[in-house]
Amino acid sequence: MPPSSSTSFLLISLERPARALVIGASGGIGSAVTALLASEGFETVHALSRSGAGRRSAGVRVGRIDLENEASIAAAAAQLVDGTPLRFILVSTGLLHDPALQPEKTYRSLDPEHLARSFRINAIGPALVAKHVLPLVPKAGKSVFAILSARVGSIEDNRLGGWYGYRASKAALNQFVRTIAIELGRQKPEAVCVALHPGTVDTALSQPFQSGSKIQKAFSPAYSAERLLAVTNALTAAHTGQFFAWDGQPIPF
């Protein structure tokens, strides 16, 4: 049965007992979501990241996963087979920049290896998570499979150009989400599969670009995490395959 409305849970639409999974749990948003989920009445919160680091507390099980290595994804999924139903999954990973890769300002800066890496991390890795983890989602009752995308991945909303690899890989991710949602809905009709835009959040990913953001002041990871859980709590199977912002507003693909 769903938790009583008298509870303080944000995710009151998900039945308990259940487990939750966060991939990218060592990042700013992933860490904040993990901390919040630990107080949401889940039997276990599986917190996976490439480094294996993360917030350790009662009910949180920390582990490793490498989205650029399918064997690593399969091995991580194999560790999730036993236990109460897996009803909440968030893939909170993404690559915008690192010491070797910066967002392209012009097509003259396009580099095939940098583009391939952006696609491996931002699109292919999350799709492979779906391949190995979604079979573990229960057939009955609401479940949530959410992946952090970005507003700049919206083709319709692209008015500034630039950031070629990030935009294109997030657009590819959105197509994966839409297509996965269609297939998942045939097998598990109450499941919700969505892409989420967390807003501009004060994390390592966004910090170099916050001064130029004309959209909003950067959120704290804790606030973004709370908003993301609130949005997913309100979603039903009628919303599956769509793209939503932190405030619950739909974003065009």
C-alpha atoms as a PDB file:
ATOM      1  CA  MET A   1       0.000   0.000   0.000  1.00  0.00           C
ATOM      2  CA  PRO A   2       1.172   3.580  -0.565  1.00  0.00           C
ATOM      3  CA  PRO A   3       2.368   5.373   2.554  1.00  0.00           C
ATOM      4  CA  SER A   4      -0.238   7.276   4.537  1.00  0.00           C
ATOM      5  CA  SER A   5      -0.796  10.885   3.518  1.00  0.00           C
ATOM      6  CA  SER A   6       0.182  11.803   7.062  1.00  0.00           C
ATOM      7  CA  THR A   7       3.813  10.903   6.374  1.00  0.00           C
ATOM      8  CA  SER A   8       6.341  13.579   5.478  1.00  0.00           C
ATOM      9  CA  PHE A   9       7.563  11.632   2.451  1.00  0.00           C
ATOM     10  CA  LEU A  10       7.871  13.444  -0.870  1.00  0.00           C
ATOM     11  CA  LEU A  11       7.451  10.203  -2.812  1.00  0.00           C
ATOM     12  CA  ILE A  12       4.076   9.224  -1.374  1.00  0.00           C
ATOM     13  CA  SER A  13       2.962   7.846  -4.765  1.00  0.00           C
ATOM     14  CA  LEU A  14       5.415   4.920  -4.554  1.00  0.00           C
ATOM     15  CA  GLU A  15       4.477   1.801  -2.648  1.00  0.00           C
ATOM     16  CA  ARG A  16       6.614   0.570   0.232  1.00  0.00           C
ATOM     17  CA  PRO A  17       8.505  -1.573   1.000  1.00  0.00           C
ATOM     18  CA  ALA A  18      10.767  -0.684  -1.884  1.00  0.00           C
ATOM     19  CA  ARG A  19      14.321   0.167  -2.831  1.00  0.00           C
ATOM     20  CA  ALA A  20      15.803   3.131  -4.675  1.00  0.00           C
ATOM     21  CA  LEU A  21      18.831   3.492  -6.941  1.00  0.00           C
ATOM     22  CA  VAL A  22      20.909   6.575  -7.715  1.00  0.00           C
ATOM     23  CA  ILE A  23      23.604   6.388 -10.381  1.00  0.00           C
ATOM     24  CA  GLY A  24      26.034   9.277 -10.193  1.00  0.00           C
ATOM     25  CA  ALA A  25      25.615   9.411  -6.416  1.00  0.00           C
ATOM     26  CA  SER A  26      28.960  11.102  -5.786  1.00  0.00           C
ATOM     27  CA  GLY A  27      28.033  14.193  -7.803  1.00  0.00           C
ATOM     28  CA  GLY A  28      26.359  17.294  -6.403  1.00  0.00           C
ATOM     29  CA  ILE A  29      22.782  16.463  -7.406  1.00  0.00           C
ATOM     30  CA  GLY A  30      23.181  12.702  -7.009  1.00  0.00           C
ATOM     31  CA  SER A  31      24.572  13.084  -3.505  1.00  0.00           C
ATOM     32  CA  ALA A  32      21.713  15.395  -2.514  1.00  0.00           C
ATOM     33  CA  VAL A  33      19.093  13.045  -3.953  1.00  0.00           C
ATOM     34  CA  THR A  34      20.687  10.102  -2.135  1.00  0.00           C
ATOM     35  CA  ALA A  35      20.560  11.968   1.180  1.00  0.00           C
ATOM     36  CA  LEU A  36      16.917  12.836   0.632  1.00  0.00           C
ATOM     37  CA  LEU A  37      15.965   9.303  -0.403  1.00  0.00           C
ATOM     38  CA  ALA A  38      17.530   7.961   2.801  1.00  0.00           C
ATOM     39  CA  SER A  39      14.715   9.682   4.704  1.00  0.00           C
ATOM     40  CA  GLU A  40      11.979   8.554   2.301  1.00  0.00           C
ATOM     41  CA  GLY A  41      11.256   5.169   3.856  1.00  0.00           C
ATOM     42  CA  PHE A  42      13.084   2.997   1.328  1.00  0.00           C
ATOM     43  CA  GLU A  43      14.485  -0.280   2.605  1.00  0.00           C
ATOM     44  CA  THR A  44      17.777   0.411   0.799  1.00  0.00           C
ATOM     45  CA  VAL A  45      19.114   3.266  -1.300  1.00  0.00           C
ATOM     46  CA  HIS A  46      21.767   1.951  -3.682  1.00  0.00           C
ATOM     47  CA  ALA A  47      24.213   4.800  -4.352  1.00  0.00           C
ATOM     48  CA  LEU A  48      26.494   4.037  -7.299  1.00  0.00           C
ATOM     49  CA  SER A  49      29.207   6.110  -8.927  1.00  0.00           C
ATOM     50  CA  ARG A  50      32.381   5.672 -10.922  1.00  0.00           C
ATOM     51  CA  SER A  51      34.533   6.421  -7.871  1.00  0.00           C
ATOM     52  CA  GLY A  52      32.471   4.374  -5.442  1.00  0.00           C
ATOM     53  CA  ALA A  53      32.427   7.398  -3.166  1.00  0.00           C
ATOM     54  CA  GLY A  54      29.265   8.771  -1.662  1.00  0.00           C
ATOM     55  CA  ARG A  55      27.336   9.642   1.434  1.00  0.00           C
ATOM     56  CA  ARG A  56      27.266   6.639   3.778  1.00  0.00           C
ATOM     57  CA  SER A  57      24.415   6.401   6.249  1.00  0.00           C
ATOM     58  CA  ALA A  58      21.842   3.942   7.536  1.00  0.00           C
ATOM     59  CA  GLY A  59      20.052   2.291   4.630  1.00  0.00           C
ATOM     60  CA  VAL A  60      22.476   3.593   1.973  1.00  0.00           C
ATOM     61  CA  ARG A  61      24.607   1.036   0.145  1.00  0.00           C
ATOM     62  CA  VAL A  62      27.507   2.570  -1.805  1.00  0.00           C
ATOM     63  CA  GLY A  63      29.008   0.877  -4.856  1.00  0.00           C
ATOM     64  CA  ARG A  64      30.786   1.383  -8.162  1.00  0.00           C
ATOM     65  CA  ILE A  65      29.575   1.683 -11.742  1.00  0.00           C
ATOM     66  CA  ASP A  66      31.285   2.919 -14.915  1.00  0.00           C
ATOM     67  CA  LEU A  67      28.868   4.134 -17.595  1.00  0.00           C
ATOM     68  CA  GLU A  68      31.559   3.776 -20.236  1.00  0.00           C
ATOM     69  CA  ASN A  69      31.861   0.048 -19.533  1.00  0.00           C
ATOM     70  CA  GLU A  70      28.837  -2.192 -20.135  1.00  0.00           C
ATOM     71  CA  ALA A  71      30.367  -5.032 -18.111  1.00  0.00           C
ATOM     72  CA  SER A  72      30.488  -2.699 -15.114  1.00  0.00           C
ATOM     73  CA  ILE A  73      26.831  -1.736 -15.630  1.00  0.00           C
ATOM     74  CA  ALA A  74      25.800  -5.390 -15.913  1.00  0.00           C
ATOM     75  CA  ALA A  75      27.760  -6.309 -12.779  1.00  0.00           C
ATOM     76  CA  ALA A  76      26.162  -3.468 -10.815  1.00  0.00           C
ATOM     77  CA  ALA A  77      22.690  -4.544 -11.960  1.00  0.00           C
ATOM     78  CA  ALA A  78      23.387  -8.136 -10.910  1.00  0.00           C
ATOM     79  CA  GLN A  79      23.893  -6.894  -7.347  1.00  0.00           C
ATOM     80  CA  LEU A  80      20.383  -5.422  -7.351  1.00  0.00           C
ATOM     81  CA  VAL A  81      18.431  -8.574  -8.162  1.00  0.00           C
ATOM     82  CA  ASP A  82      17.512  -9.585  -4.621  1.00  0.00           C
ATOM     83  CA  GLY A  83      15.426  -7.489  -2.269  1.00  0.00           C
ATOM     84  CA  THR A  84      12.207  -5.547  -2.165  1.00  0.00           C
ATOM     85  CA  PRO A  85      10.903  -4.013  -5.409  1.00  0.00           C
ATOM     86  CA  LEU A  86      13.129  -1.475  -7.114  1.00  0.00           C
ATOM     87  CA  ARG A  87      10.696   1.418  -7.589  1.00  0.00           C
ATOM     88  CA  PHE A  88      12.819   4.563  -7.929  1.00  0.00           C
ATOM     89  CA  ILE A  89      15.824   4.916 -10.251  1.00  0.00           C
ATOM     90  CA  LEU A  90      17.640   8.147 -11.036  1.00  0.00           C
ATOM     91  CA  VAL A  91      20.551   8.377 -13.451  1.00  0.00           C
ATOM     92  CA  SER A  92      22.245  11.579 -12.291  1.00  0.00           C
ATOM     93  CA  THR A  93      25.293  11.689 -14.530  1.00  0.00           C
ATOM     94  CA  GLY A  94      26.534  13.992 -17.244  1.00  0.00           C
ATOM     95  CA  LEU A  95      29.615  15.395 -18.923  1.00  0.00           C
ATOM     96  CA  LEU A  96      29.824  19.013 -20.035  1.00  0.00           C
ATOM     97  CA  HIS A  97      33.518  19.680 -19.476  1.00  0.00           C
ATOM     98  CA  ASP A  98      36.673  18.327 -17.907  1.00  0.00           C
ATOM     99  CA  PRO A  99      40.370  19.193 -18.259  1.00  0.00           C
ATOM    100  CA  ALA A 100      40.455  17.629 -21.725  1.00  0.00           C
ATOM    101  CA  LEU A 101      37.033  18.675 -23.002  1.00  0.00           C
ATOM    102  CA  GLN A 102      35.339  22.070 -23.171  1.00  0.00           C
ATOM    103  CA  PRO A 103      31.969  22.991 -24.724  1.00  0.00           C
ATOM    104  CA  GLU A 104      32.428  23.930 -28.376  1.00  0.00           C
ATOM    105  CA  LYS A 105      31.593  27.536 -29.278  1.00  0.00           C
ATOM    106  CA  THR A 106      31.829  26.846 -33.012  1.00  0.00           C
ATOM    107  CA  TYR A 107      31.625  23.902 -35.396  1.00  0.00           C
ATOM    108  CA  ARG A 108      35.284  24.616 -36.201  1.00  0.00           C
ATOM    109  CA  SER A 109      36.143  23.195 -32.760  1.00  0.00           C
ATOM    110  CA  LEU A 110      34.429  19.845 -33.270  1.00  0.00           C
ATOM    111  CA  ASP A 111      36.608  16.881 -32.346  1.00  0.00           C
ATOM    112  CA  PRO A 112      35.432  13.326 -33.062  1.00  0.00           C
ATOM    113  CA  GLU A 113      36.829  11.786 -29.875  1.00  0.00           C
ATOM    114  CA  HIS A 114      35.356  14.520 -27.692  1.00  0.00           C
ATOM    115  CA  LEU A 115      31.985  14.064 -29.380  1.00  0.00           C
ATOM    116  CA  ALA A 116      32.166  10.298 -28.955  1.00  0.00           C
ATOM    117  CA  ARG A 117      32.982  10.668 -25.263  1.00  0.00           C
ATOM    118  CA  SER A 118      30.060  13.036 -24.721  1.00  0.00           C
ATOM    119  CA  PHE A 119      27.730  10.502 -26.330  1.00  0.00           C
ATOM    120  CA  ARG A 120      29.182   7.594 -24.347  1.00  0.00           C
ATOM    121  CA  ILE A 121      28.582   9.304 -21.010  1.00  0.00           C
ATOM    122  CA  ASN A 122      25.496  11.412 -21.686  1.00  0.00           C
ATOM    123  CA  ALA A 123      23.457   9.060 -23.876  1.00  0.00           C
ATOM    124  CA  ILE A 124      24.844   5.564 -24.392  1.00  0.00           C
ATOM    125  CA  GLY A 125      25.676   4.882 -20.737  1.00  0.00           C
ATOM    126  CA  PRO A 126      22.191   5.782 -19.430  1.00  0.00           C
ATOM    127  CA  ALA A 127      20.612   3.707 -22.216  1.00  0.00           C
ATOM    128  CA  LEU A 128      22.680   0.702 -21.143  1.00  0.00           C
ATOM    129  CA  VAL A 129      21.562   1.275 -17.553  1.00  0.00           C
ATOM    130  CA  ALA A 130      17.994   0.920 -18.829  1.00  0.00           C
ATOM    131  CA  LYS A 131      18.958  -2.294 -20.633  1.00  0.00           C
ATOM    132  CA  HIS A 132      20.288  -3.938 -17.473  1.00  0.00           C
ATOM    133  CA  VAL A 133      18.216  -2.347 -14.693  1.00  0.00           C
ATOM    134  CA  LEU A 134      14.689  -1.995 -16.068  1.00  0.00           C
ATOM    135  CA  PRO A 135      14.122  -5.781 -16.106  1.00  0.00           C
ATOM    136  CA  LEU A 136      14.336  -5.539 -12.285  1.00  0.00           C
ATOM    137  CA  VAL A 137      11.454  -3.049 -12.032  1.00  0.00           C
ATOM    138  CA  PRO A 138       8.196  -4.658 -10.821  1.00  0.00           C
ATOM    139  CA  LYS A 139       5.436  -5.325 -13.353  1.00  0.00           C
ATOM    140  CA  ALA A 140       2.690  -3.871 -11.166  1.00  0.00           C
ATOM    141  CA  GLY A 141       2.505  -0.566  -9.290  1.00  0.00           C
ATOM    142  CA  LYS A 142       4.143   2.747 -10.054  1.00  0.00           C
ATOM    143  CA  SER A 143       7.878   2.887 -10.554  1.00  0.00           C
ATOM    144  CA  VAL A 144      10.071   5.753 -11.746  1.00  0.00           C
ATOM    145  CA  PHE A 145      13.043   5.594 -14.112  1.00  0.00           C
ATOM    146  CA  ALA A 146      14.330   9.153 -14.469  1.00  0.00           C
ATOM    147  CA  ILE A 147      17.442  10.462 -16.200  1.00  0.00           C
ATOM    148  CA  LEU A 148      18.881  13.923 -15.796  1.00  0.00           C
ATOM    149  CA  SER A 149      18.906  15.663 -19.143  1.00  0.00           C
ATOM    150  CA  ALA A 150      19.337  19.400 -19.796  1.00  0.00           C
ATOM    151  CA  ARG A 151      17.219  22.134 -21.327  1.00  0.00           C
ATOM    152  CA  VAL A 152      19.991  22.781 -23.846  1.00  0.00           C
ATOM    153  CA  GLY A 153      19.284  19.300 -25.224  1.00  0.00           C
ATOM    154  CA  SER A 154      15.923  20.526 -26.505  1.00  0.00           C
ATOM    155  CA  ILE A 155      16.108  20.993 -30.286  1.00  0.00           C
ATOM    156  CA  GLU A 156      13.055  23.257 -30.330  1.00  0.00           C
ATOM    157  CA  ASP A 157      14.426  25.434 -27.531  1.00  0.00           C
ATOM    158  CA  ASN A 158      17.879  25.895 -29.105  1.00  0.00           C
ATOM    159  CA  ARG A 159      18.202  29.588 -29.918  1.00  0.00           C
ATOM    160  CA  LEU A 160      21.818  30.293 -28.970  1.00  0.00           C
ATOM    161  CA  GLY A 161      23.788  27.522 -30.684  1.00  0.00           C
ATOM    162  CA  GLY A 162      27.162  26.322 -29.413  1.00  0.00           C
ATOM    163  CA  TRP A 163      27.845  23.480 -26.986  1.00  0.00           C
ATOM    164  CA  TYR A 164      27.552  21.025 -29.871  1.00  0.00           C
ATOM    165  CA  GLY A 165      28.538  17.789 -28.169  1.00  0.00           C
ATOM    166  CA  TYR A 166      26.572  18.413 -24.973  1.00  0.00           C
ATOM    167  CA  ARG A 167      23.446  19.551 -26.821  1.00  0.00           C
ATOM    168  CA  ALA A 168      23.536  16.681 -29.295  1.00  0.00           C
ATOM    169  CA  SER A 169      24.252  13.975 -26.715  1.00  0.00           C
ATOM    170  CA  LYS A 170      21.449  15.205 -24.455  1.00  0.00           C
ATOM    171  CA  ALA A 171      19.102  15.322 -27.465  1.00  0.00           C
ATOM    172  CA  ALA A 172      20.074  11.711 -28.161  1.00  0.00           C
ATOM    173  CA  LEU A 173      19.412  10.894 -24.504  1.00  0.00           C
ATOM    174  CA  ASN A 174      15.933  12.405 -24.794  1.00  0.00           C
ATOM    175  CA  GLN A 175      15.209  10.177 -27.791  1.00  0.00           C
ATOM    176  CA  PHE A 176      16.399   7.141 -25.830  1.00  0.00           C
ATOM    177  CA  VAL A 177      14.054   8.093 -22.971  1.00  0.00           C
ATOM    178  CA  ARG A 178      11.080   8.501 -25.310  1.00  0.00           C
ATOM    179  CA  THR A 179      11.740   5.187 -27.065  1.00  0.00           C
ATOM    180  CA  ILE A 180      12.446   3.245 -23.865  1.00  0.00           C
ATOM    181  CA  ALA A 181       9.246   4.630 -22.333  1.00  0.00           C
ATOM    182  CA  ILE A 182       7.146   3.260 -25.204  1.00  0.00           C
ATOM    183  CA  GLU A 183       8.552  -0.244 -24.832  1.00  0.00           C
ATOM    184  CA  LEU A 184       8.489  -0.154 -21.030  1.00  0.00           C
ATOM    185  CA  GLY A 185       4.845   0.917 -21.069  1.00  0.00           C
ATOM    186  CA  ARG A 186       3.876  -2.221 -22.960  1.00  0.00           C
ATOM    187  CA  GLN A 187       5.512  -4.438 -20.343  1.00  0.00           C
ATOM    188  CA  LYS A 188       4.906  -2.437 -17.164  1.00  0.00           C
ATOM    189  CA  PRO A 189       1.979  -0.082 -17.771  1.00  0.00           C
ATOM    190  CA  GLU A 190       2.280   1.829 -14.481  1.00  0.00           C
ATOM    191  CA  ALA A 191       5.981   2.604 -14.926  1.00  0.00           C
ATOM    192  CA  VAL A 192       7.107   6.202 -15.504  1.00  0.00           C
ATOM    193  CA  CYS A 193      10.183   6.834 -17.661  1.00  0.00           C
ATOM    194  CA  VAL A 194      11.142  10.505 -18.032  1.00  0.00           C
ATOM    195  CA  ALA A 195      13.939  12.954 -18.683  1.00  0.00           C
ATOM    196  CA  LEU A 196      14.391  15.705 -16.078  1.00  0.00           C
ATOM    197  CA  HIS A 197      16.033  19.121 -16.229  1.00  0.00           C
ATOM    198  CA  PRO A 198      17.298  19.954 -12.719  1.00  0.00           C
ATOM    199  CA  GLY A 199      17.764  23.659 -13.372  1.00  0.00           C
ATOM    200  CA  THR A 200      21.079  25.456 -13.130  1.00  0.00           C
ATOM    201  CA  VAL A 201      22.556  23.907 -10.009  1.00  0.00           C
ATOM    202  CA  ASP A 202      25.643  24.979  -8.090  1.00  0.00           C
ATOM    203  CA  THR A 203      27.790  21.964  -8.948  1.00  0.00           C
ATOM    204  CA  ALA A 204      31.147  21.356 -10.592  1.00  0.00           C
ATOM    205  CA  LEU A 205      29.381  20.874 -13.933  1.00  0.00           C
ATOM    206  CA  SER A 206      27.819  24.344 -14.002  1.00  0.00           C
ATOM    207  CA  GLN A 207      30.199  26.494 -11.944  1.00  0.00           C
ATOM    208  CA  PRO A 208      32.385  27.737 -14.827  1.00  0.00           C
ATOM    209  CA  PHE A 209      29.272  28.958 -16.681  1.00  0.00           C
ATOM    210  CA  GLN A 210      27.032  30.342 -13.946  1.00  0.00           C
ATOM    211  CA  SER A 211      28.088  33.956 -14.453  1.00  0.00           C
ATOM    212  CA  GLY A 212      26.794  33.827 -18.004  1.00  0.00           C
ATOM    213  CA  SER A 213      23.472  32.183 -17.184  1.00  0.00           C
ATOM    214  CA  LYS A 214      20.520  34.422 -18.024  1.00  0.00           C
ATOM    215  CA  ILE A 215      17.938  31.802 -17.065  1.00  0.00           C
ATOM    216  CA  GLN A 216      18.059  31.678 -13.273  1.00  0.00           C
ATOM    217  CA  LYS A 217      20.254  31.940 -10.240  1.00  0.00           C
ATOM    218  CA  ALA A 218      21.973  28.649  -9.501  1.00  0.00           C
ATOM    219  CA  PHE A 219      20.037  26.371  -7.143  1.00  0.00           C
ATOM    220  CA  SER A 220      21.625  24.503  -4.283  1.00  0.00           C
ATOM    221  CA  PRO A 221      21.858  20.746  -4.926  1.00  0.00           C
ATOM    222  CA  ALA A 222      19.539  20.140  -1.943  1.00  0.00           C
ATOM    223  CA  TYR A 223      16.823  22.370  -3.396  1.00  0.00           C
ATOM    224  CA  SER A 224      17.118  20.802  -6.846  1.00  0.00           C
ATOM    225  CA  ALA A 225      16.940  17.314  -5.314  1.00  0.00           C
ATOM    226  CA  GLU A 226      13.766  18.193  -3.422  1.00  0.00           C
ATOM    227  CA  ARG A 227      12.161  19.605  -6.562  1.00  0.00           C
ATOM    228  CA  LEU A 228      13.093  16.548  -8.647  1.00  0.00           C
ATOM    229  CA  LEU A 229      11.493  14.186  -6.126  1.00  0.00           C
ATOM    230  CA  ALA A 230       8.393  16.359  -5.938  1.00  0.00           C
ATOM    231  CA  VAL A 231       8.066  16.333  -9.728  1.00  0.00           C
ATOM    232  CA  THR A 232       8.461  12.563 -10.024  1.00  0.00           C
ATOM    233  CA  ASN A 233       5.976  12.021  -7.203  1.00  0.00           C
ATOM    234  CA  ALA A 234       3.304  13.843  -9.216  1.00  0.00           C
ATOM    235  CA  LEU A 235       3.942  11.981 -12.474  1.00  0.00           C
ATOM    236  CA  THR A 236       1.811   9.069 -13.650  1.00  0.00           C
ATOM    237  CA  ALA A 237       2.004   6.654 -16.556  1.00  0.00           C
ATOM    238  CA  ALA A 238       0.237   9.323 -18.633  1.00  0.00           C
ATOM    239  CA  HIS A 239       3.429  11.411 -18.428  1.00  0.00           C
ATOM    240  CA  THR A 240       5.895   8.680 -19.378  1.00  0.00           C
ATOM    241  CA  GLY A 241       8.274   9.422 -22.223  1.00  0.00           C
ATOM    242  CA  GLN A 242       8.242  13.173 -21.622  1.00  0.00           C
ATOM    243  CA  PHE A 243      10.767  15.798 -20.543  1.00  0.00           C
ATOM    244  CA  PHE A 244      10.112  17.901 -17.431  1.00  0.00           C
ATOM    245  CA  ALA A 245      11.872  20.783 -15.709  1.00  0.00           C
ATOM    246  CA  TRP A 246      12.528  21.114 -11.982  1.00  0.00           C
ATOM    247  CA  ASP A 247       9.265  23.053 -11.582  1.00  0.00           C
ATOM    248  CA  GLY A 248       7.158  20.366 -13.234  1.00  0.00           C
ATOM    249  CA  GLN A 249       6.749  22.241 -16.528  1.00  0.00           C
ATOM    250  CA  PRO A 250       7.124  20.159 -19.711  1.00  0.00           C
ATOM    251  CA  ILE A 251      10.050  20.973 -22.007  1.00  0.00           C
ATOM    252  CA  PRO A 252       9.707  20.416 -25.773  1.00  0.00           C
ATOM    253  CA  PHE A 253      12.027  17.861 -27.292  1.00  0.00           C
END
